[in-house]
Amino acid sequence: MVTAEQITRYIKNDLPCEYVQVEGDDGEHFAAVIVSAEFRGKNMLQQHQRVYQALGERMGGEIHALSMKTFTPEDWSNAGGTR
């Protein structure tokens, strides 16, 4: 069973992030907040695709469902996000 900590590592291993928080305790459904400079100039769909790319084949396999909120560092700061 995959954990939130493992998903955090998977994301960080392939996507430079300023902040990542993954929650979920049933081993299948997770929610994430991800802040990355790589999201600059990308729309929300492209940002989510980049996260899926970082997760690779684990998405739909080990990870059944992942809802996410993605931000550039600027958007995160403007939203009042804290690290």
PDB file of N, CA and C in Angstrom:
ATOM      1  N   MET A   1       0.846  -1.179   0.000  1.00  0.00           N
ATOM      2  CA  MET A   1       0.000   0.000   0.000  1.00  0.00           C
ATOM      3  C   MET A   1       0.896   1.249   0.000  1.00  0.00           C
ATOM      4  N   VAL A   2       0.611   2.187  -0.885  1.00  0.00           N
ATOM      5  CA  VAL A   2       1.389   3.420  -0.995  1.00  0.00           C
ATOM      6  C   VAL A   2       0.955   4.398   0.103  1.00  0.00           C
ATOM      7  N   THR A   3       1.903   5.217   0.545  1.00  0.00           N
ATOM      8  CA  THR A   3       1.618   6.201   1.587  1.00  0.00           C
ATOM      9  C   THR A   3       1.770   7.614   1.031  1.00  0.00           C
ATOM     10  N   ALA A   4       1.247   8.582   1.772  1.00  0.00           N
ATOM     11  CA  ALA A   4       1.389   9.990   1.387  1.00  0.00           C
ATOM     12  C   ALA A   4       2.861  10.389   1.333  1.00  0.00           C
ATOM     13  N   GLU A   5       3.656   9.855   2.247  1.00  0.00           N
ATOM     14  CA  GLU A   5       5.090  10.168   2.267  1.00  0.00           C
ATOM     15  C   GLU A   5       5.789   9.650   1.015  1.00  0.00           C
ATOM     16  N   GLN A   6       5.400   8.472   0.556  1.00  0.00           N
ATOM     17  CA  GLN A   6       5.995   7.920  -0.664  1.00  0.00           C
ATOM     18  C   GLN A   6       5.631   8.777  -1.876  1.00  0.00           C
ATOM     19  N   ILE A   7       4.384   9.188  -1.964  1.00  0.00           N
ATOM     20  CA  ILE A   7       3.968  10.030  -3.091  1.00  0.00           C
ATOM     21  C   ILE A   7       4.726  11.342  -3.076  1.00  0.00           C
ATOM     22  N   THR A   8       4.914  11.908  -1.898  1.00  0.00           N
ATOM     23  CA  THR A   8       5.700  13.137  -1.773  1.00  0.00           C
ATOM     24  C   THR A   8       7.092  12.922  -2.338  1.00  0.00           C
ATOM     25  N   ARG A   9       7.728  11.822  -1.981  1.00  0.00           N
ATOM     26  CA  ARG A   9       9.076  11.517  -2.495  1.00  0.00           C
ATOM     27  C   ARG A   9       9.069  11.326  -4.004  1.00  0.00           C
ATOM     28  N   TYR A  10       8.063  10.598  -4.518  1.00  0.00           N
ATOM     29  CA  TYR A  10       7.978  10.379  -5.957  1.00  0.00           C
ATOM     30  C   TYR A  10       7.916  11.711  -6.697  1.00  0.00           C
ATOM     31  N   ILE A  11       7.100  12.625  -6.208  1.00  0.00           N
ATOM     32  CA  ILE A  11       6.950  13.931  -6.855  1.00  0.00           C
ATOM     33  C   ILE A  11       8.256  14.703  -6.776  1.00  0.00           C
ATOM     34  N   LYS A  12       8.835  14.780  -5.578  1.00  0.00           N
ATOM     35  CA  LYS A  12      10.065  15.557  -5.382  1.00  0.00           C
ATOM     36  C   LYS A  12      11.249  14.995  -6.165  1.00  0.00           C
ATOM     37  N   ASN A  13      11.257  13.693  -6.414  1.00  0.00           N
ATOM     38  CA  ASN A  13      12.367  13.079  -7.143  1.00  0.00           C
ATOM     39  C   ASN A  13      12.413  13.500  -8.604  1.00  0.00           C
ATOM     40  N   ASP A  14      11.278  13.906  -9.171  1.00  0.00           N
ATOM     41  CA  ASP A  14      11.242  14.228 -10.600  1.00  0.00           C
ATOM     42  C   ASP A  14      10.813  15.656 -10.896  1.00  0.00           C
ATOM     43  N   LEU A  15      10.342  16.377  -9.885  1.00  0.00           N
ATOM     44  CA  LEU A  15       9.831  17.729 -10.099  1.00  0.00           C
ATOM     45  C   LEU A  15      10.393  18.644  -9.026  1.00  0.00           C
ATOM     46  N   PRO A  16      11.202  19.642  -9.416  1.00  0.00           N
ATOM     47  CA  PRO A  16      11.724  20.572  -8.415  1.00  0.00           C
ATOM     48  C   PRO A  16      10.552  21.343  -7.782  1.00  0.00           C
ATOM     49  N   CYS A  17      10.428  21.218  -6.477  1.00  0.00           N
ATOM     50  CA  CYS A  17       9.291  21.825  -5.779  1.00  0.00           C
ATOM     51  C   CYS A  17       9.767  22.710  -4.635  1.00  0.00           C
ATOM     52  N   GLU A  18       9.072  23.801  -4.450  1.00  0.00           N
ATOM     53  CA  GLU A  18       9.301  24.643  -3.296  1.00  0.00           C
ATOM     54  C   GLU A  18       8.526  24.111  -2.093  1.00  0.00           C
ATOM     55  N   TYR A  19       7.402  23.439  -2.381  1.00  0.00           N
ATOM     56  CA  TYR A  19       6.543  22.930  -1.310  1.00  0.00           C
ATOM     57  C   TYR A  19       5.697  21.795  -1.866  1.00  0.00           C
ATOM     58  N   VAL A  20       5.571  20.732  -1.098  1.00  0.00           N
ATOM     59  CA  VAL A  20       4.684  19.623  -1.443  1.00  0.00           C
ATOM     60  C   VAL A  20       4.044  19.121  -0.150  1.00  0.00           C
ATOM     61  N   GLN A  21       2.728  18.993  -0.178  1.00  0.00           N
ATOM     62  CA  GLN A  21       2.014  18.387   0.938  1.00  0.00           C
ATOM     63  C   GLN A  21       1.027  17.384   0.353  1.00  0.00           C
ATOM     64  N   VAL A  22       1.152  16.139   0.767  1.00  0.00           N
ATOM     65  CA  VAL A  22       0.247  15.084   0.299  1.00  0.00           C
ATOM     66  C   VAL A  22      -0.439  14.506   1.530  1.00  0.00           C
ATOM     67  N   GLU A  23      -1.752  14.365   1.431  1.00  0.00           N
ATOM     68  CA  GLU A  23      -2.524  13.780   2.522  1.00  0.00           C
ATOM     69  C   GLU A  23      -3.370  12.636   1.985  1.00  0.00           C
ATOM     70  N   GLY A  24      -3.653  11.705   2.845  1.00  0.00           N
ATOM     71  CA  GLY A  24      -4.493  10.564   2.509  1.00  0.00           C
ATOM     72  C   GLY A  24      -4.105   9.411   3.386  1.00  0.00           C
ATOM     73  N   ASP A  25      -5.091   8.727   3.918  1.00  0.00           N
ATOM     74  CA  ASP A  25      -4.760   7.659   4.855  1.00  0.00           C
ATOM     75  C   ASP A  25      -5.400   6.321   4.517  1.00  0.00           C
ATOM     76  N   ASP A  26      -6.046   6.241   3.349  1.00  0.00           N
ATOM     77  CA  ASP A  26      -6.662   4.955   3.001  1.00  0.00           C
ATOM     78  C   ASP A  26      -5.826   4.144   2.017  1.00  0.00           C
ATOM     79  N   GLY A  27      -4.676   4.686   1.598  1.00  0.00           N
ATOM     80  CA  GLY A  27      -3.793   3.963   0.696  1.00  0.00           C
ATOM     81  C   GLY A  27      -4.183   4.018  -0.767  1.00  0.00           C
ATOM     82  N   GLU A  28      -5.287   4.695  -1.098  1.00  0.00           N
ATOM     83  CA  GLU A  28      -5.738   4.778  -2.484  1.00  0.00           C
ATOM     84  C   GLU A  28      -6.075   6.185  -2.940  1.00  0.00           C
ATOM     85  N   HIS A  29      -6.660   6.981  -2.058  1.00  0.00           N
ATOM     86  CA  HIS A  29      -7.123   8.322  -2.420  1.00  0.00           C
ATOM     87  C   HIS A  29      -6.294   9.369  -1.683  1.00  0.00           C
ATOM     88  N   PHE A  30      -5.750  10.299  -2.464  1.00  0.00           N
ATOM     89  CA  PHE A  30      -4.843  11.292  -1.892  1.00  0.00           C
ATOM     90  C   PHE A  30      -5.185  12.685  -2.413  1.00  0.00           C
ATOM     91  N   ALA A  31      -4.775  13.683  -1.630  1.00  0.00           N
ATOM     92  CA  ALA A  31      -4.909  15.082  -2.028  1.00  0.00           C
ATOM     93  C   ALA A  31      -3.546  15.736  -1.849  1.00  0.00           C
ATOM     94  N   ALA A  32      -3.169  16.575  -2.817  1.00  0.00           N
ATOM     95  CA  ALA A  32      -1.839  17.182  -2.779  1.00  0.00           C
ATOM     96  C   ALA A  32      -1.908  18.669  -3.074  1.00  0.00           C
ATOM     97  N   VAL A  33      -0.997  19.405  -2.450  1.00  0.00           N
ATOM     98  CA  VAL A  33      -0.718  20.796  -2.784  1.00  0.00           C
ATOM     99  C   VAL A  33       0.735  20.817  -3.228  1.00  0.00           C
ATOM    100  N   ILE A  34       0.975  21.343  -4.427  1.00  0.00           N
ATOM    101  CA  ILE A  34       2.318  21.313  -5.002  1.00  0.00           C
ATOM    102  C   ILE A  34       2.658  22.700  -5.527  1.00  0.00           C
ATOM    103  N   VAL A  35       3.808  23.213  -5.093  1.00  0.00           N
ATOM    104  CA  VAL A  35       4.286  24.522  -5.536  1.00  0.00           C
ATOM    105  C   VAL A  35       5.606  24.306  -6.270  1.00  0.00           C
ATOM    106  N   SER A  36       5.646  24.742  -7.537  1.00  0.00           N
ATOM    107  CA  SER A  36       6.859  24.547  -8.333  1.00  0.00           C
ATOM    108  C   SER A  36       7.023  25.684  -9.338  1.00  0.00           C
ATOM    109  N   ALA A  37       8.256  26.129  -9.486  1.00  0.00           N
ATOM    110  CA  ALA A  37       8.568  27.143 -10.494  1.00  0.00           C
ATOM    111  C   ALA A  37       8.349  26.585 -11.904  1.00  0.00           C
ATOM    112  N   GLU A  38       8.388  25.272 -12.060  1.00  0.00           N
ATOM    113  CA  GLU A  38       8.150  24.668 -13.379  1.00  0.00           C
ATOM    114  C   GLU A  38       6.733  24.910 -13.879  1.00  0.00           C
ATOM    115  N   PHE A  39       5.846  25.312 -13.006  1.00  0.00           N
ATOM    116  CA  PHE A  39       4.463  25.563 -13.407  1.00  0.00           C
ATOM    117  C   PHE A  39       4.279  26.929 -14.067  1.00  0.00           C
ATOM    118  N   ARG A  40       5.293  27.780 -13.991  1.00  0.00           N
ATOM    119  CA  ARG A  40       5.188  29.109 -14.609  1.00  0.00           C
ATOM    120  C   ARG A  40       4.899  28.973 -16.097  1.00  0.00           C
ATOM    121  N   GLY A  41       3.909  29.739 -16.570  1.00  0.00           N
ATOM    122  CA  GLY A  41       3.572  29.746 -17.981  1.00  0.00           C
ATOM    123  C   GLY A  41       2.728  28.566 -18.427  1.00  0.00           C
ATOM    124  N   LYS A  42       2.373  27.685 -17.490  1.00  0.00           N
ATOM    125  CA  LYS A  42       1.547  26.524 -17.828  1.00  0.00           C
ATOM    126  C   LYS A  42       0.144  26.716 -17.245  1.00  0.00           C
ATOM    127  N   ASN A  43      -0.864  26.247 -17.981  1.00  0.00           N
ATOM    128  CA  ASN A  43      -2.212  26.294 -17.430  1.00  0.00           C
ATOM    129  C   ASN A  43      -2.374  25.132 -16.449  1.00  0.00           C
ATOM    130  N   MET A  44      -3.531  25.093 -15.780  1.00  0.00           N
ATOM    131  CA  MET A  44      -3.737  24.086 -14.739  1.00  0.00           C
ATOM    132  C   MET A  44      -3.617  22.662 -15.286  1.00  0.00           C
ATOM    133  N   LEU A  45      -4.168  22.411 -16.452  1.00  0.00           N
ATOM    134  CA  LEU A  45      -4.083  21.075 -17.045  1.00  0.00           C
ATOM    135  C   LEU A  45      -2.627  20.681 -17.279  1.00  0.00           C
ATOM    136  N   GLN A  46      -1.839  21.588 -17.821  1.00  0.00           N
ATOM    137  CA  GLN A  46      -0.421  21.311 -18.076  1.00  0.00           C
ATOM    138  C   GLN A  46       0.341  21.082 -16.767  1.00  0.00           C
ATOM    139  N   GLN A  47      -0.012  21.833 -15.733  1.00  0.00           N
ATOM    140  CA  GLN A  47       0.622  21.641 -14.420  1.00  0.00           C
ATOM    141  C   GLN A  47       0.320  20.250 -13.885  1.00  0.00           C
ATOM    142  N   HIS A  48      -0.944  19.840 -13.974  1.00  0.00           N
ATOM    143  CA  HIS A  48      -1.336  18.523 -13.479  1.00  0.00           C
ATOM    144  C   HIS A  48      -0.679  17.417 -14.304  1.00  0.00           C
ATOM    145  N   GLN A  49      -0.582  17.632 -15.610  1.00  0.00           N
ATOM    146  CA  GLN A  49       0.095  16.643 -16.453  1.00  0.00           C
ATOM    147  C   GLN A  49       1.554  16.488 -16.043  1.00  0.00           C
ATOM    148  N   ARG A  50       2.182  17.584 -15.645  1.00  0.00           N
ATOM    149  CA  ARG A  50       3.583  17.524 -15.208  1.00  0.00           C
ATOM    150  C   ARG A  50       3.722  16.687 -13.935  1.00  0.00           C
ATOM    151  N   VAL A  51       2.759  16.827 -13.034  1.00  0.00           N
ATOM    152  CA  VAL A  51       2.773  16.008 -11.816  1.00  0.00           C
ATOM    153  C   VAL A  51       2.557  14.540 -12.179  1.00  0.00           C
ATOM    154  N   TYR A  52       1.603  14.265 -13.072  1.00  0.00           N
ATOM    155  CA  TYR A  52       1.375  12.891 -13.513  1.00  0.00           C
ATOM    156  C   TYR A  52       2.637  12.311 -14.145  1.00  0.00           C
ATOM    157  N   GLN A  53       3.347  13.137 -14.891  1.00  0.00           N
ATOM    158  CA  GLN A  53       4.609  12.700 -15.494  1.00  0.00           C
ATOM    159  C   GLN A  53       5.601  12.305 -14.399  1.00  0.00           C
ATOM    160  N   ALA A  54       5.664  13.092 -13.349  1.00  0.00           N
ATOM    161  CA  ALA A  54       6.576  12.787 -12.242  1.00  0.00           C
ATOM    162  C   ALA A  54       6.197  11.471 -11.562  1.00  0.00           C
ATOM    163  N   LEU A  55       4.911  11.178 -11.504  1.00  0.00           N
ATOM    164  CA  LEU A  55       4.452   9.945 -10.854  1.00  0.00           C
ATOM    165  C   LEU A  55       4.555   8.730 -11.766  1.00  0.00           C
ATOM    166  N   GLY A  56       4.576   8.978 -13.065  1.00  0.00           N
ATOM    167  CA  GLY A  56       4.739   7.898 -14.027  1.00  0.00           C
ATOM    168  C   GLY A  56       3.646   6.841 -13.940  1.00  0.00           C
ATOM    169  N   GLU A  57       4.045   5.591 -14.062  1.00  0.00           N
ATOM    170  CA  GLU A  57       3.105   4.478 -14.100  1.00  0.00           C
ATOM    171  C   GLU A  57       2.420   4.226 -12.760  1.00  0.00           C
ATOM    172  N   ARG A  58       2.894   4.878 -11.712  1.00  0.00           N
ATOM    173  CA  ARG A  58       2.264   4.700 -10.405  1.00  0.00           C
ATOM    174  C   ARG A  58       0.830   5.225 -10.403  1.00  0.00           C
ATOM    175  N   MET A  59       0.590   6.256 -11.250  1.00  0.00           N
ATOM    176  CA  MET A  59      -0.754   6.822 -11.353  1.00  0.00           C
ATOM    177  C   MET A  59      -1.646   5.807 -12.032  1.00  0.00           C
ATOM    178  N   GLY A  60      -2.734   5.466 -11.413  1.00  0.00           N
ATOM    179  CA  GLY A  60      -3.630   4.458 -11.952  1.00  0.00           C
ATOM    180  C   GLY A  60      -3.226   3.046 -11.552  1.00  0.00           C
ATOM    181  N   GLY A  61      -2.051   2.931 -10.981  1.00  0.00           N
ATOM    182  CA  GLY A  61      -1.576   1.641 -10.468  1.00  0.00           C
ATOM    183  C   GLY A  61      -1.599   1.699  -8.955  1.00  0.00           C
ATOM    184  N   GLU A  62      -0.436   2.008  -8.369  1.00  0.00           N
ATOM    185  CA  GLU A  62      -0.351   2.145  -6.916  1.00  0.00           C
ATOM    186  C   GLU A  62      -1.278   3.243  -6.399  1.00  0.00           C
ATOM    187  N   ILE A  63      -1.341   4.331  -7.160  1.00  0.00           N
ATOM    188  CA  ILE A  63      -2.124   5.499  -6.737  1.00  0.00           C
ATOM    189  C   ILE A  63      -3.430   5.476  -7.507  1.00  0.00           C
ATOM    190  N   HIS A  64      -4.501   5.215  -6.800  1.00  0.00           N
ATOM    191  CA  HIS A  64      -5.812   5.106  -7.440  1.00  0.00           C
ATOM    192  C   HIS A  64      -6.368   6.482  -7.807  1.00  0.00           C
ATOM    193  N   ALA A  65      -6.264   7.440  -6.891  1.00  0.00           N
ATOM    194  CA  ALA A  65      -6.819   8.771  -7.146  1.00  0.00           C
ATOM    195  C   ALA A  65      -5.979   9.836  -6.432  1.00  0.00           C
ATOM    196  N   LEU A  66      -5.718  10.912  -7.148  1.00  0.00           N
ATOM    197  CA  LEU A  66      -4.963  12.026  -6.581  1.00  0.00           C
ATOM    198  C   LEU A  66      -5.625  13.322  -7.016  1.00  0.00           C
ATOM    199  N   SER A  67      -6.197  14.034  -6.058  1.00  0.00           N
ATOM    200  CA  SER A  67      -6.674  15.382  -6.364  1.00  0.00           C
ATOM    201  C   SER A  67      -5.547  16.323  -5.999  1.00  0.00           C
ATOM    202  N   MET A  68      -5.392  17.379  -6.771  1.00  0.00           N
ATOM    203  CA  MET A  68      -4.262  18.266  -6.492  1.00  0.00           C
ATOM    204  C   MET A  68      -4.595  19.714  -6.763  1.00  0.00           C
ATOM    205  N   LYS A  69      -3.889  20.552  -6.034  1.00  0.00           N
ATOM    206  CA  LYS A  69      -3.885  21.990  -6.259  1.00  0.00           C
ATOM    207  C   LYS A  69      -2.446  22.340  -6.550  1.00  0.00           C
ATOM    208  N   THR A  70      -2.225  22.970  -7.701  1.00  0.00           N
ATOM    209  CA  THR A  70      -0.867  23.317  -8.112  1.00  0.00           C
ATOM    210  C   THR A  70      -0.731  24.833  -8.181  1.00  0.00           C
ATOM    211  N   PHE A  71       0.450  25.309  -7.801  1.00  0.00           N
ATOM    212  CA  PHE A  71       0.715  26.744  -7.757  1.00  0.00           C
ATOM    213  C   PHE A  71       2.130  27.035  -8.226  1.00  0.00           C
ATOM    214  N   THR A  72       2.313  28.189  -8.857  1.00  0.00           N
ATOM    215  CA  THR A  72       3.656  28.731  -9.016  1.00  0.00           C
ATOM    216  C   THR A  72       4.021  29.335  -7.657  1.00  0.00           C
ATOM    217  N   PRO A  73       5.290  29.593  -7.402  1.00  0.00           N
ATOM    218  CA  PRO A  73       5.645  30.231  -6.128  1.00  0.00           C
ATOM    219  C   PRO A  73       4.929  31.577  -5.929  1.00  0.00           C
ATOM    220  N   GLU A  74       4.769  32.323  -7.010  1.00  0.00           N
ATOM    221  CA  GLU A  74       4.103  33.628  -6.909  1.00  0.00           C
ATOM    222  C   GLU A  74       2.625  33.470  -6.550  1.00  0.00           C
ATOM    223  N   ASP A  75       1.958  32.537  -7.231  1.00  0.00           N
ATOM    224  CA  ASP A  75       0.543  32.296  -6.951  1.00  0.00           C
ATOM    225  C   ASP A  75       0.352  31.784  -5.525  1.00  0.00           C
ATOM    226  N   TRP A  76       1.264  30.935  -5.068  1.00  0.00           N
ATOM    227  CA  TRP A  76       1.202  30.394  -3.716  1.00  0.00           C
ATOM    228  C   TRP A  76       1.348  31.526  -2.701  1.00  0.00           C
ATOM    229  N   SER A  77       2.286  32.417  -2.937  1.00  0.00           N
ATOM    230  CA  SER A  77       2.478  33.552  -2.046  1.00  0.00           C
ATOM    231  C   SER A  77       1.250  34.454  -2.027  1.00  0.00           C
ATOM    232  N   ASN A  78       0.698  34.731  -3.199  1.00  0.00           N
ATOM    233  CA  ASN A  78      -0.501  35.573  -3.306  1.00  0.00           C
ATOM    234  C   ASN A  78      -1.720  34.931  -2.658  1.00  0.00           C
ATOM    235  N   ALA A  79      -1.759  33.609  -2.624  1.00  0.00           N
ATOM    236  CA  ALA A  79      -2.878  32.888  -2.007  1.00  0.00           C
ATOM    237  C   ALA A  79      -2.720  32.797  -0.497  1.00  0.00           C
ATOM    238  N   GLY A  80      -1.615  33.310  -0.001  1.00  0.00           N
ATOM    239  CA  GLY A  80      -1.368  33.266   1.447  1.00  0.00           C
ATOM    240  C   GLY A  80      -0.782  31.965   1.913  1.00  0.00           C
ATOM    241  N   GLY A  81      -0.216  31.193   0.982  1.00  0.00           N
ATOM    242  CA  GLY A  81       0.379  29.903   1.336  1.00  0.00           C
ATOM    243  C   GLY A  81       1.594  30.078   2.208  1.00  0.00           C
ATOM    244  N   THR A  82       1.751  29.135   3.109  1.00  0.00           N
ATOM    245  CA  THR A  82       2.924  29.145   3.980  1.00  0.00           C
ATOM    246  C   THR A  82       3.622  27.810   3.852  1.00  0.00           C
ATOM    247  N   ARG A  83       4.896  27.821   4.119  1.00  0.00           N
ATOM    248  CA  ARG A  83       5.695  26.592   4.004  1.00  0.00           C
ATOM    249  C   ARG A  83       5.866  26.000   5.347  1.00  0.00           C
TER     250      ARG A  83
END
